[in-house]
Protein backbone atom coordinates (compact mmCIF):
# COMPACT_ATOMS: atom_id res chain seq x y z
CA MET A 1 102.77 113.82 117.74
CA PRO A 2 105.46 116.47 118.22
CA ARG A 3 104.27 120.10 118.20
CA GLY A 4 104.44 121.62 114.72
CA SER A 5 104.50 118.28 112.94
CA THR A 6 103.85 118.31 109.21
CA ALA A 7 102.21 115.58 107.18
CA LEU A 8 102.34 115.38 103.40
CA VAL A 9 99.36 113.69 101.72
CA THR A 10 99.34 112.92 98.01
CA GLY A 11 95.99 112.54 96.30
CA SER A 12 94.56 114.81 98.99
CA GLY A 13 91.39 115.43 97.00
CA GLY A 14 90.65 111.73 96.66
CA LEU A 15 88.67 109.48 98.96
CA ILE A 16 91.48 108.26 101.23
CA GLY A 17 93.73 111.29 100.87
CA SER A 18 91.01 113.76 101.83
CA GLU A 19 89.95 111.62 104.81
CA CYS A 20 93.55 111.48 105.99
CA ALA A 21 93.89 115.26 105.56
CA ARG A 22 90.74 115.85 107.64
CA LEU A 23 91.79 113.52 110.44
CA LEU A 24 95.33 114.90 110.60
CA CYS A 25 94.11 118.51 110.68
CA GLU A 26 91.67 117.59 113.45
CA GLU A 27 94.53 115.96 115.35
CA GLY A 28 96.62 119.13 115.21
CA TRP A 29 98.91 118.43 112.26
CA ASP A 30 99.92 120.87 109.58
CA VAL A 31 98.98 119.15 106.32
CA VAL A 32 100.43 119.74 102.88
CA GLY A 33 98.13 118.27 100.26
CA ILE A 34 99.33 117.33 96.79
CA ASP A 35 96.63 116.88 94.13
CA ASN A 36 96.35 118.18 90.56
CA ASP A 37 92.87 116.71 89.87
CA MET A 38 94.07 113.97 87.54
CA ARG A 39 90.83 112.13 88.33
CA ARG A 40 89.11 114.70 86.14
CA VAL A 41 91.49 113.82 83.30
CA PHE A 42 90.93 110.11 83.80
CA PHE A 43 87.15 110.08 84.36
CA GLY A 44 85.75 113.44 83.24
CA ASP A 45 84.01 116.14 85.27
CA LYS A 46 82.11 113.63 87.44
CA GLY A 47 85.40 112.28 88.74
CA SER A 48 86.82 115.68 89.67
CA THR A 49 88.19 116.24 93.17
CA ALA A 50 88.28 120.05 92.90
CA LEU A 51 85.36 120.63 95.28
CA ILE A 52 86.89 118.34 97.89
CA VAL A 53 90.16 120.28 97.80
CA LYS A 54 88.28 123.59 97.98
CA GLY A 55 86.39 122.34 101.03
CA LEU A 56 89.62 121.32 102.79
CA GLN A 57 91.12 124.74 102.13
CA GLU A 58 88.05 126.54 103.44
CA LYS A 59 87.58 124.40 106.55
CA TYR A 60 91.11 123.85 107.83
CA ALA A 61 93.59 126.68 108.37
CA SER A 62 96.32 124.07 108.87
CA TYR A 63 95.79 122.64 105.39
CA SER A 64 97.88 124.00 102.51
CA HIS A 65 97.67 122.80 98.94
CA ALA A 66 100.15 122.16 96.13
CA ALA A 67 98.53 121.44 92.77
CA ILE A 68 101.50 119.55 91.38
CA ASP A 69 101.83 116.27 89.53
CA ILE A 70 103.67 113.44 91.28
CA ARG A 71 105.30 112.67 87.91
CA ASP A 72 107.08 116.05 88.18
CA ARG A 73 110.26 114.91 89.87
CA LYS A 74 111.71 118.38 90.35
CA ALA A 75 108.53 119.76 91.92
CA ILE A 76 108.24 116.77 94.26
CA ARG A 77 111.85 117.16 95.43
CA GLU A 78 111.31 120.87 96.04
CA VAL A 79 108.27 120.19 98.24
CA PHE A 80 110.08 117.54 100.25
CA GLU A 81 113.19 119.69 100.64
CA GLN A 82 111.13 122.65 101.83
CA GLU A 83 108.69 120.82 104.11
CA ARG A 84 110.78 117.87 105.42
CA PRO A 85 107.48 116.18 106.38
CA ASP A 86 107.29 114.11 109.54
CA PHE A 87 104.73 111.76 107.97
CA ILE A 88 103.95 110.87 104.35
CA ILE A 89 100.71 109.30 103.14
CA HIS A 90 100.77 108.41 99.46
CA THR A 91 97.32 107.84 97.97
CA ALA A 92 97.68 109.52 94.54
CA ALA A 93 97.12 107.08 91.67
CA GLN A 94 95.49 106.19 88.42
CA PRO A 95 92.99 103.99 90.28
CA SER A 96 90.99 102.16 87.63
CA HIS A 97 91.51 98.48 86.87
CA ASP A 98 89.74 98.92 83.51
CA LYS A 99 90.92 102.38 82.44
CA ALA A 100 94.59 101.41 82.56
CA ALA A 101 94.39 99.36 79.36
CA SER A 102 93.60 102.45 77.29
CA ILE A 103 96.22 104.71 78.93
CA PRO A 104 99.21 102.43 79.66
CA TYR A 105 101.84 105.22 79.65
CA GLU A 106 99.88 107.47 82.01
CA ASP A 107 98.94 104.56 84.27
CA PHE A 108 102.53 103.40 84.72
CA ASP A 109 104.02 106.87 84.95
CA VAL A 110 101.58 107.92 87.68
CA ASN A 111 101.43 104.69 89.66
CA ALA A 112 105.00 103.39 89.39
CA ALA A 113 107.26 106.30 88.44
CA GLY A 114 105.32 108.78 90.60
CA THR A 115 105.78 106.51 93.61
CA VAL A 116 109.52 106.23 92.97
CA ASN A 117 109.74 110.03 92.83
CA LEU A 118 108.18 110.21 96.30
CA LEU A 119 110.32 107.43 97.74
CA VAL A 120 113.58 108.96 96.54
CA ALA A 121 112.60 112.40 97.83
CA ALA A 122 111.64 110.89 101.20
CA ARG A 123 114.94 109.01 101.36
CA ASP A 124 116.92 112.15 100.57
CA PHE A 125 115.10 114.65 102.80
CA CYS A 126 113.23 112.79 105.59
CA PRO A 127 114.28 109.10 105.66
CA GLU A 128 113.06 108.54 109.22
CA SER A 129 109.52 109.77 108.56
CA PRO A 130 106.87 107.02 108.39
CA PHE A 131 105.52 106.54 104.85
CA CYS A 132 102.15 104.86 104.16
CA PHE A 133 101.49 103.64 100.62
CA THR A 134 97.99 102.71 99.47
CA SER A 135 98.64 99.68 97.32
CA THR A 136 95.83 97.40 96.09
CA ASN A 137 94.66 93.81 96.20
CA LYS A 138 95.02 93.87 92.40
CA VAL A 139 98.74 93.16 92.94
CA TYR A 140 97.58 89.56 93.45
CA GLY A 141 96.19 89.57 89.91
CA ASP A 142 93.63 86.85 89.28
CA ARG A 143 95.41 84.39 91.58
CA PRO A 144 92.58 84.59 94.16
CA ASN A 145 90.37 82.98 91.50
CA ASP A 146 92.50 79.82 91.75
CA LEU A 147 91.26 79.26 95.29
CA PRO A 148 88.54 76.59 95.58
CA LEU A 149 85.16 78.33 95.70
CA ARG A 150 81.62 77.26 96.44
CA GLU A 151 78.62 78.89 94.89
CA LEU A 152 75.85 79.94 97.25
CA GLU A 153 72.47 81.47 96.44
CA LYS A 154 73.71 85.07 96.31
CA ARG A 155 77.49 84.91 96.58
CA TYR A 156 80.65 82.91 96.12
CA ASP A 157 82.71 81.92 99.14
CA TYR A 158 85.90 80.01 99.90
CA ALA A 159 85.36 76.26 99.83
CA ASP A 160 88.21 75.56 102.26
CA GLY A 161 86.61 77.61 105.05
CA ARG A 162 89.29 80.32 105.17
CA ASP A 163 88.30 83.67 106.65
CA GLY A 164 89.99 85.64 103.89
CA ILE A 165 93.17 86.18 101.90
CA ASP A 166 96.38 86.94 103.78
CA GLU A 167 99.71 88.42 102.75
CA SER A 168 101.30 85.05 101.91
CA MET A 169 99.51 84.88 98.55
CA SER A 170 101.90 85.13 95.59
CA ILE A 171 101.72 88.10 93.24
CA ASP A 172 103.67 86.27 90.52
CA SER A 173 102.73 84.38 87.31
CA CYS A 174 99.12 85.49 86.96
CA LEU A 175 96.96 87.98 85.02
CA HIS A 176 96.92 91.37 86.71
CA SER A 177 95.53 94.06 84.39
CA LEU A 178 97.93 96.88 83.57
CA PHE A 179 96.72 98.73 86.67
CA GLY A 180 97.57 95.74 88.86
CA ALA A 181 101.01 95.53 87.28
CA SER A 182 101.81 99.23 87.72
CA LYS A 183 100.67 99.14 91.33
CA ALA A 184 102.67 95.94 91.90
CA ALA A 185 105.78 97.77 90.65
CA ALA A 186 105.10 100.59 93.11
CA ASP A 187 104.33 98.08 95.87
CA LEU A 188 107.67 96.31 95.36
CA MET A 189 109.61 99.56 95.25
CA CYS A 190 108.03 100.60 98.55
CA GLN A 191 109.04 97.29 100.07
CA GLU A 192 112.56 97.68 98.69
CA PHE A 193 113.07 101.22 99.99
CA GLY A 194 111.80 100.04 103.36
CA ARG A 195 114.11 97.06 103.56
CA TYR A 196 117.16 98.23 101.60
CA PHE A 197 117.33 101.75 103.05
CA LYS A 198 115.73 100.83 106.40
CA MET A 199 112.95 103.35 105.88
CA PRO A 200 109.65 103.09 107.82
CA VAL A 201 107.46 102.32 104.79
CA GLY A 202 104.14 100.50 105.17
CA ILE A 203 102.40 98.96 102.16
CA PHE A 204 98.62 98.64 102.52
CA ARG A 205 97.00 96.41 99.88
CA GLY A 206 93.50 97.82 99.87
CA GLY A 207 90.40 95.93 98.88
CA CYS A 208 87.35 98.14 98.45
CA LEU A 209 88.09 101.41 100.23
CA THR A 210 84.94 103.50 100.28
CA GLY A 211 82.93 106.24 101.93
CA PRO A 212 80.54 109.11 101.23
CA GLN A 213 83.20 111.37 99.70
CA HIS A 214 84.05 108.86 96.98
CA SER A 215 83.86 110.54 93.53
CA ALA A 216 82.72 107.23 92.07
CA VAL A 217 82.35 106.42 88.39
CA GLU A 218 81.50 103.19 86.59
CA LEU A 219 85.15 102.21 86.17
CA HIS A 220 86.15 102.93 89.77
CA GLY A 221 84.47 102.98 93.17
CA TYR A 222 82.06 100.04 93.01
CA LEU A 223 80.03 100.52 96.20
CA ALA A 224 79.66 104.29 95.93
CA TYR A 225 78.74 103.96 92.26
CA ILE A 226 76.07 101.29 92.75
CA VAL A 227 74.55 103.36 95.58
CA LEU A 228 74.54 106.39 93.28
CA CYS A 229 72.69 104.34 90.65
CA ALA A 230 70.14 103.14 93.19
CA VAL A 231 69.41 106.59 94.58
CA THR A 232 69.22 108.36 91.20
CA GLY A 233 67.46 105.59 89.27
CA ARG A 234 70.38 105.11 86.90
CA GLU A 235 70.70 101.61 85.42
CA TYR A 236 73.59 99.57 86.81
CA THR A 237 75.42 96.94 84.76
CA ILE A 238 76.60 93.73 86.42
CA TYR A 239 79.64 92.29 84.63
CA GLY A 240 79.90 88.51 84.90
CA TYR A 241 79.97 85.93 87.69
CA LYS A 242 76.17 86.06 88.00
CA GLY A 243 76.47 89.11 90.25
CA LYS A 244 77.79 86.83 93.00
CA GLN A 245 81.30 88.32 93.09
CA VAL A 246 82.26 89.37 96.62
CA ARG A 247 84.24 92.33 98.01
CA ASP A 248 84.91 93.49 101.55
CA GLN A 249 84.32 97.17 102.21
CA ILE A 250 86.20 99.48 104.58
CA HIS A 251 85.33 103.10 105.37
CA SER A 252 87.91 105.75 104.54
CA ARG A 253 87.91 107.00 108.15
CA ASP A 254 88.96 103.57 109.41
CA VAL A 255 91.79 103.59 106.86
CA ALA A 256 92.97 107.03 107.99
CA ARG A 257 92.93 105.95 111.63
CA LEU A 258 94.99 102.87 110.77
CA PHE A 259 97.61 105.01 109.06
CA LEU A 260 97.98 107.02 112.26
CA GLU A 261 98.56 103.75 114.11
CA PHE A 262 101.34 102.97 111.64
CA TYR A 263 102.86 106.39 112.30
CA ALA A 264 102.97 105.53 116.00
CA ALA A 265 104.48 102.07 115.44
CA PRO A 266 106.09 101.93 111.97
CA ARG A 267 107.91 99.00 110.39
CA CYS A 268 110.29 98.91 107.43
CA GLY A 269 108.81 97.56 104.21
CA GLU A 270 105.91 95.74 105.87
CA VAL A 271 102.95 94.59 103.75
CA TYR A 272 99.35 94.51 104.98
CA ASN A 273 96.10 93.36 103.40
CA LEU A 274 93.54 96.04 104.17
CA GLY A 275 89.79 95.77 103.82
CA GLY A 276 86.60 95.42 105.76
CA GLY A 277 87.06 91.73 106.48
CA ARG A 278 84.40 89.07 106.34
CA ALA A 279 81.89 91.01 108.46
CA ASN A 280 81.91 93.82 105.88
CA SER A 281 81.80 91.64 102.77
CA LEU A 282 79.03 91.83 100.17
CA SER A 283 78.28 90.40 96.75
CA ILE A 284 76.66 92.58 94.10
CA LEU A 285 73.38 90.71 94.53
CA GLU A 286 73.56 91.20 98.29
CA THR A 287 74.28 94.90 97.79
CA ILE A 288 71.22 95.23 95.56
CA GLU A 289 69.15 93.42 98.17
CA LEU A 290 70.41 95.70 100.97
CA LEU A 291 69.56 98.79 98.94
CA GLN A 292 66.09 97.45 98.20
CA GLU A 293 65.54 96.91 101.94
CA MET A 294 66.44 100.59 102.38
CA GLY A 295 63.77 101.56 99.85
CA TYR A 296 65.92 101.90 96.73
CA LYS A 297 64.91 99.44 94.04
CA MET A 298 67.69 98.98 91.52
CA ARG A 299 67.42 99.01 87.77
CA TYR A 300 70.17 96.77 86.47
CA SER A 301 71.22 94.73 83.47
CA TYR A 302 73.57 91.78 83.20
CA ASP A 303 76.56 91.36 80.90
CA PRO A 304 77.93 87.80 81.12
CA ALA A 305 81.46 88.96 80.18
CA ASN A 306 83.39 89.55 83.39
CA ARG A 307 86.01 92.29 83.63
CA THR A 308 89.44 90.98 82.62
CA GLY A 309 91.41 89.77 85.64
CA ASP A 310 88.53 90.55 88.00
CA HIS A 311 88.29 88.75 91.33
CA ILE A 312 85.41 86.34 91.89
CA CYS A 313 85.69 86.47 95.68
CA TYR A 314 88.06 88.71 97.59
CA ILE A 315 87.86 89.11 101.37
CA SER A 316 90.84 90.54 103.27
CA ASP A 317 92.30 88.56 106.15
CA LEU A 318 93.01 91.26 108.76
CA THR A 319 94.94 89.02 111.19
CA LYS A 320 98.30 90.69 110.56
CA ILE A 321 96.96 94.23 110.84
CA ARG A 322 95.18 93.42 114.10
CA SER A 323 98.33 91.78 115.45
CA HIS A 324 100.62 94.70 114.62
CA PHE A 325 98.12 97.42 115.57
CA PRO A 326 96.05 96.07 118.47
CA LYS A 327 94.57 99.48 119.34
CA TRP A 328 92.94 99.81 115.92
CA ARG A 329 89.27 98.93 115.61
CA GLN A 330 86.88 99.32 112.70
CA GLU A 331 84.16 101.80 113.59
CA TYR A 332 82.08 101.41 110.45
CA ARG A 333 80.00 98.33 109.70
CA ILE A 334 78.69 97.76 106.21
CA GLU A 335 75.16 99.02 106.88
CA ARG A 336 76.50 102.30 108.27
CA ILE A 337 78.81 102.73 105.29
CA VAL A 338 75.96 102.26 102.80
CA GLU A 339 73.68 104.58 104.76
CA GLU A 340 76.32 107.35 104.73
CA ILE A 341 76.78 107.04 100.97
CA VAL A 342 73.01 107.10 100.46
CA GLN A 343 72.71 110.27 102.54
CA ARG A 344 75.37 112.01 100.48
CA HIS A 345 73.22 111.62 97.39
CA VAL A 346 69.79 112.34 98.87
CA VAL A 347 70.86 115.48 100.79
CA PRO A 348 70.85 118.64 98.61
CA ALA A 349 74.30 119.51 97.35
CA ASN A 350 74.41 122.88 99.12
CA THR A 351 74.01 121.23 102.53
CA LYS A 352 76.85 118.72 102.11
CA SER A 353 79.91 119.22 104.25
CA VAL A 354 83.52 118.24 103.61
């Protein structure tokens, strides 16, 4: 990293954005965070990122904050023109698969148009700066459900023995949810700017990205939310698939470290599936069992209607990431991730750190 390097992080109060801001500040970067607490608008006070942003400002002298909206094209261009960032990490989004249906304009404007605003500003003011975009596995829509599955006692798994889903899966001609469609539009624009303009843009299709700082709510942040329910005694609702639906979990710190690897060895318009992989995969029933083993007995109910377009089994194949970034290793196994989230909720609020 050159001396005096500046990174711009959108969604800097969110789970991945704040983790990236912390890591970059610790590594000696000047960080400009962009976040206007839209999570509070989307999910109410419990989804607010204001305290996270305040903590970043108090802890890191090299962190500066801009409370602007990525939909504000003029404001975005002004920040890019002034800062000319050496590295861009774009995590800001309307992140809920379910919420999008009730706010289609806001979902598309934030996820798709907001991303285009950032891409054009980067092209015009710092086209050689590596740009990481946090896409989503929801760009594949419900196509993963077409894979042959076998039903086990507490989970579904792939019947053909595959380790996970790789980047060759089509994103076309399937049911996505409006969120999946808006993120797919952003995903494709990132690819296009990378390839057409030869910009170093990496597209990371995240599975379940998680960690103790996740401001989880029922409609977003599955693992952090179910842990919150277990610790506080709140009833959790399982939606469909007998509770055997599977997700792979990756800690936000491991994501931030991977983005730094991309900065060191960027590629133009490259797509990566990003998650915890098979070793970090859990079904809902297995999550409940793990929490019970930790002393937290869940109260839960079952609704047989699954969420529209929801994946039955999604495990990320990390072969491509490991090939392109051989120095990167996951530091957080699933048990450690769950334990960290538990500790966030059992430790008194005034002792929590950023």
